[in-house]
Amino acid sequence: MRLNQIADNEGARKNRMRVGRGIGSGKGKTSGRGVKGQKARTGVSIMGFEGGQTPIHRRLPKRGFNPLNPQDFDLVNLGRLQAAIDKGKLDASKPVDGAALKAAGLISGKAADGVRLLGTGAGELKAKIAVSVQGISATAREAVEKAGGSVTVLETRKVKALARSAAVKAEKAKKKKK
């Protein structure tokens, strides 16, 4: 076998459809698009157009609320935390933080704002642990302290950034007054 003899299997590559090449080609005139005007062109901006009637996305009311600075946490339930301690994936004698939770496989570690501990989940916390996370629910804090553990809440990246920007604005305002 030589390099010039290498070829794809029969039928592995299909020829491109050549459109707009006359009636005999079967794809002439409208080139398979079937219509004239705006829909025959590229970049059609007619999606959601309902013939002049108010479109459905304008008829339906807006619902909900999107915060300006949403926080993105990796969520961990107490039940999963206790299960990891029982299986030996997590050492209860060492501090439980984001790195320990990631090493135990409880979080992905991709969340921008760190870890939030929630008090839901099957089972309850029995181990005495020292938790340092960026967020914790009231029920989770209660459960950790009931088991004899301690809780440290760390600042999130966004809270630090907001505090920094507020400090910069205050400095600018102070300079402006002088």
Protein backbone atom coordinates (compact mmCIF):
# COMPACT_ATOMS: atom_id res chain seq x y z
CA MET A 1 0.00 0.00 0.00
CA ARG A 2 1.20 3.50 -0.86
CA LEU A 3 0.09 6.96 0.28
CA ASN A 4 -1.52 7.67 -3.08
CA GLN A 5 -3.66 4.55 -2.71
CA ILE A 6 -5.26 5.53 0.61
CA ALA A 7 -8.95 6.40 0.17
CA ASP A 8 -12.16 6.56 2.18
CA ASN A 9 -14.65 3.72 2.07
CA GLU A 10 -17.18 3.91 -0.75
CA GLY A 11 -19.99 6.29 0.26
CA ALA A 12 -18.15 7.73 3.27
CA ARG A 13 -17.93 11.19 1.70
CA LYS A 14 -20.93 12.75 0.02
CA ASN A 15 -20.67 15.54 -2.54
CA ARG A 16 -21.96 18.97 -1.53
CA MET A 17 -25.40 19.91 -2.85
CA ARG A 18 -24.89 22.63 -5.49
CA VAL A 19 -27.88 24.93 -5.33
CA GLY A 20 -29.05 27.63 -7.75
CA ARG A 21 -27.68 25.88 -10.84
CA GLY A 22 -30.84 25.78 -12.98
CA ILE A 23 -34.07 23.79 -13.23
CA GLY A 24 -32.39 20.55 -14.29
CA SER A 25 -30.41 20.28 -11.07
CA GLY A 26 -33.57 19.98 -8.97
CA LYS A 27 -32.33 22.78 -6.72
CA GLY A 28 -32.71 25.77 -9.04
CA LYS A 29 -34.71 28.98 -8.69
CA THR A 30 -35.34 29.12 -4.90
CA SER A 31 -32.40 26.78 -4.10
CA GLY A 32 -34.50 24.54 -1.87
CA ARG A 33 -35.72 27.42 0.30
CA GLY A 34 -39.15 27.40 -1.32
CA VAL A 35 -39.98 31.08 -0.70
CA LYS A 36 -39.15 34.56 -1.92
CA GLY A 37 -38.45 37.67 0.05
CA GLN A 38 -37.04 37.87 3.57
CA LYS A 39 -37.26 34.14 4.24
CA ALA A 40 -35.15 33.41 1.17
CA ARG A 41 -32.27 35.50 2.52
CA THR A 42 -29.74 34.74 5.21
CA GLY A 43 -30.12 36.32 8.64
CA VAL A 44 -33.93 36.19 8.81
CA SER A 45 -35.15 38.15 11.84
CA ILE A 46 -38.71 36.91 11.70
CA MET A 47 -38.59 34.46 14.62
CA GLY A 48 -41.42 35.23 17.02
CA PHE A 49 -43.29 37.25 14.38
CA GLU A 50 -47.00 36.43 14.41
CA GLY A 51 -48.34 38.34 11.43
CA GLY A 52 -48.73 41.69 13.15
CA GLN A 53 -50.51 40.28 16.21
CA THR A 54 -48.73 40.91 19.51
CA PRO A 55 -46.28 38.02 19.88
CA ILE A 56 -46.60 35.56 22.75
CA HIS A 57 -43.42 36.73 24.46
CA ARG A 58 -45.00 40.19 24.78
CA ARG A 59 -48.48 38.93 25.71
CA LEU A 60 -47.26 36.88 28.69
CA PRO A 61 -46.30 38.71 31.89
CA LYS A 62 -42.76 38.87 33.19
CA ARG A 63 -42.31 36.71 36.27
CA GLY A 64 -39.66 36.31 38.90
CA PHE A 65 -36.60 38.30 39.79
CA ASN A 66 -33.03 38.14 38.58
CA PRO A 67 -30.59 39.60 41.11
CA LEU A 68 -27.93 41.98 39.83
CA ASN A 69 -25.14 40.13 41.65
CA PRO A 70 -26.25 36.50 41.87
CA GLN A 71 -24.14 34.24 44.03
CA ASP A 72 -22.93 30.93 42.63
CA PHE A 73 -22.32 28.32 45.33
CA ASP A 74 -21.48 24.62 45.32
CA LEU A 75 -24.25 23.19 47.53
CA VAL A 76 -23.62 20.43 50.09
CA ASN A 77 -26.31 18.85 52.26
CA LEU A 78 -25.56 17.66 55.79
CA GLY A 79 -26.75 14.14 54.91
CA ARG A 80 -24.10 13.85 52.17
CA LEU A 81 -21.48 15.27 54.51
CA GLN A 82 -22.25 12.63 57.17
CA ALA A 83 -22.31 9.87 54.53
CA ALA A 84 -18.83 10.92 53.33
CA ILE A 85 -17.54 10.87 56.94
CA ASP A 86 -19.05 7.39 57.47
CA LYS A 87 -17.43 6.07 54.28
CA GLY A 88 -14.05 7.50 55.29
CA LYS A 89 -13.84 9.93 52.37
CA LEU A 90 -13.82 12.89 54.75
CA ASP A 91 -11.80 13.15 57.97
CA ALA A 92 -13.92 14.65 60.77
CA SER A 93 -10.87 15.52 62.88
CA LYS A 94 -9.51 17.90 60.21
CA PRO A 95 -11.18 21.22 59.22
CA VAL A 96 -13.87 20.77 56.57
CA ASP A 97 -13.44 23.40 53.86
CA GLY A 98 -13.81 23.67 50.08
CA ALA A 99 -10.57 21.82 49.35
CA ALA A 100 -11.48 18.91 51.65
CA LEU A 101 -14.98 18.67 50.15
CA LYS A 102 -13.56 18.65 46.62
CA ALA A 103 -11.03 15.96 47.55
CA ALA A 104 -13.90 13.88 48.99
CA GLY A 105 -15.85 14.28 45.73
CA LEU A 106 -18.78 16.16 47.30
CA ILE A 107 -18.39 19.28 45.14
CA SER A 108 -17.07 20.10 41.71
CA GLY A 109 -15.20 23.18 42.90
CA LYS A 110 -16.28 25.20 39.84
CA ALA A 111 -18.65 27.56 41.65
CA ALA A 112 -17.36 31.13 41.70
CA ASP A 113 -18.41 31.97 45.25
CA GLY A 114 -17.39 28.82 47.11
CA VAL A 115 -19.43 26.37 49.19
CA ARG A 116 -22.79 26.71 50.92
CA LEU A 117 -23.80 24.13 53.52
CA LEU A 118 -27.50 23.25 53.68
CA GLY A 119 -29.38 21.57 56.53
CA THR A 120 -31.51 19.31 54.33
CA GLY A 121 -30.85 15.73 53.34
CA ALA A 122 -31.45 12.25 54.68
CA GLY A 123 -29.99 11.62 58.12
CA GLU A 124 -28.46 14.04 60.58
CA LEU A 125 -24.93 15.11 61.44
CA LYS A 126 -23.40 13.01 64.23
CA ALA A 127 -19.73 13.89 63.82
CA LYS A 128 -18.08 16.81 65.58
CA ILE A 129 -16.58 18.88 62.74
CA ALA A 130 -15.06 22.31 62.23
CA VAL A 131 -16.63 23.77 59.09
CA SER A 132 -15.32 26.80 57.19
CA VAL A 133 -17.55 27.66 54.22
CA GLN A 134 -18.70 30.78 52.36
CA GLY A 135 -22.38 30.26 53.21
CA ILE A 136 -24.47 28.19 55.61
CA SER A 137 -28.20 27.88 56.26
CA ALA A 138 -29.61 28.42 59.76
CA THR A 139 -30.65 24.75 60.10
CA ALA A 140 -27.18 23.56 59.03
CA ARG A 141 -25.48 25.91 61.52
CA GLU A 142 -27.80 24.64 64.26
CA ALA A 143 -27.09 20.99 63.40
CA VAL A 144 -23.28 21.47 63.33
CA GLU A 145 -23.29 23.30 66.67
CA LYS A 146 -25.67 20.69 68.17
CA ALA A 147 -23.18 17.96 67.22
CA GLY A 148 -20.45 19.91 69.05
CA GLY A 149 -18.76 21.38 65.97
CA SER A 150 -17.85 24.92 65.01
CA VAL A 151 -18.75 27.09 62.01
CA THR A 152 -16.63 29.74 60.30
CA VAL A 153 -18.27 31.75 57.52
CA LEU A 154 -15.75 33.09 55.00
CA GLU A 155 -16.30 36.08 52.72
CA THR A 156 -17.23 35.32 49.12
CA ARG A 157 -15.34 36.72 46.17
CA LYS A 158 -18.28 38.95 45.19
CA VAL A 159 -18.71 40.36 48.70
CA LYS A 160 -15.01 41.27 48.72
CA ALA A 161 -15.31 42.88 45.28
CA LEU A 162 -18.40 44.87 46.32
CA ALA A 163 -16.64 46.05 49.49
CA ARG A 164 -13.59 47.04 47.45
CA SER A 165 -15.68 49.00 44.92
CA ALA A 166 -17.57 50.73 47.76
CA ALA A 167 -14.24 51.75 49.32
CA VAL A 168 -13.02 53.12 45.97
CA LYS A 169 -16.24 55.14 45.55
CA ALA A 170 -15.89 56.52 49.08
CA GLU A 171 -12.30 57.58 48.36
CA LYS A 172 -13.35 59.32 45.14
CA ALA A 173 -16.15 61.14 46.97
CA LYS A 174 -13.67 62.22 49.69
CA LYS A 175 -11.22 63.58 47.06
CA LYS A 176 -14.03 65.41 45.28
CA LYS A 177 -15.03 67.24 48.48
CA LYS A 178 -11.47 68.53 49.01
